[in-house]
Amino acid sequence: MDRIHRPLSQPEHSTAPHWLSLYSRLRHWQRNRRTRQQLALLNDQQLADAGISSVQREEELAKPFWR
């Protein structure tokens, strides 16, 4: 008797965590980009009020959006 082996299909609900994880990651990257844009607009007084040096700001702005 010949048997055909087919790969098991994954249940429909198993894809939900993957998409949620991807969505969460994309939102995190957007937040990084947006907050770094806002950081770039701060003047020296605002940086001092936030306790951020200009060197720290430059280091943060040099990071890619995914970090």
Protein backbone atom coordinates (compact mmCIF):
# COMPACT_ATOMS: atom_id res chain seq x y z
CA MET A 1 0.00 0.00 0.00
CA ASP A 2 1.45 3.34 -1.03
CA ARG A 3 1.37 6.13 1.50
CA ILE A 4 1.57 9.77 0.70
CA HIS A 5 3.23 11.90 3.32
CA ARG A 6 2.03 15.44 3.39
CA PRO A 7 3.41 18.05 5.72
CA LEU A 8 1.06 18.90 8.52
CA SER A 9 -0.55 22.25 8.09
CA GLN A 10 -0.29 24.57 11.01
CA PRO A 11 -3.49 25.59 12.74
CA GLU A 12 -4.89 28.97 11.83
CA HIS A 13 -4.33 30.43 15.31
CA SER A 14 -0.59 29.75 15.25
CA THR A 15 -0.04 32.58 12.75
CA ALA A 16 -1.56 35.19 15.07
CA PRO A 17 1.43 35.45 17.44
CA HIS A 18 3.77 35.86 14.46
CA TRP A 19 1.73 38.77 13.08
CA LEU A 20 1.35 40.33 16.50
CA SER A 21 5.09 40.12 17.02
CA LEU A 22 5.76 41.69 13.63
CA TYR A 23 3.24 44.47 14.30
CA SER A 24 4.78 45.13 17.71
CA ARG A 25 8.25 45.36 16.21
CA LEU A 26 7.10 47.79 13.51
CA ARG A 27 5.41 49.99 16.11
CA HIS A 28 8.61 49.96 18.20
CA TRP A 29 10.65 51.09 15.19
CA GLN A 30 8.16 53.88 14.47
CA ARG A 31 8.38 55.02 18.09
CA ASN A 32 12.19 55.05 17.92
CA ARG A 33 12.10 57.14 14.76
CA ARG A 34 9.53 59.58 16.13
CA THR A 35 11.23 60.11 19.51
CA ARG A 36 14.62 60.62 17.85
CA GLN A 37 13.09 63.22 15.55
CA GLN A 38 11.72 65.00 18.61
CA LEU A 39 15.08 64.71 20.39
CA ALA A 40 16.79 66.34 17.41
CA LEU A 41 14.52 69.39 17.80
CA LEU A 42 15.38 70.08 21.45
CA ASN A 43 17.53 73.11 22.25
CA ASP A 44 20.33 73.14 24.84
CA GLN A 45 18.04 74.33 27.65
CA GLN A 46 15.50 71.60 26.97
CA LEU A 47 18.27 68.98 26.87
CA ALA A 48 19.59 70.23 30.21
CA ASP A 49 16.08 70.06 31.70
CA ALA A 50 15.81 66.45 30.56
CA GLY A 51 19.29 65.62 31.88
CA ILE A 52 20.66 64.77 28.45
CA SER A 53 24.02 66.01 27.24
CA SER A 54 24.58 67.01 23.63
CA VAL A 55 27.00 64.07 23.29
CA GLN A 56 24.30 61.65 24.48
CA ARG A 57 21.86 63.18 22.02
CA GLU A 58 24.30 62.75 19.13
CA GLU A 59 24.93 59.12 20.11
CA GLU A 60 21.20 58.45 20.22
CA LEU A 61 20.58 60.16 16.89
CA ALA A 62 23.36 58.13 15.24
CA LYS A 63 21.58 54.85 16.01
CA PRO A 64 19.57 53.16 13.25
CA PHE A 65 15.80 53.04 13.78
CA TRP A 66 15.81 49.34 14.66
CA ARG A 67 18.07 49.80 17.69
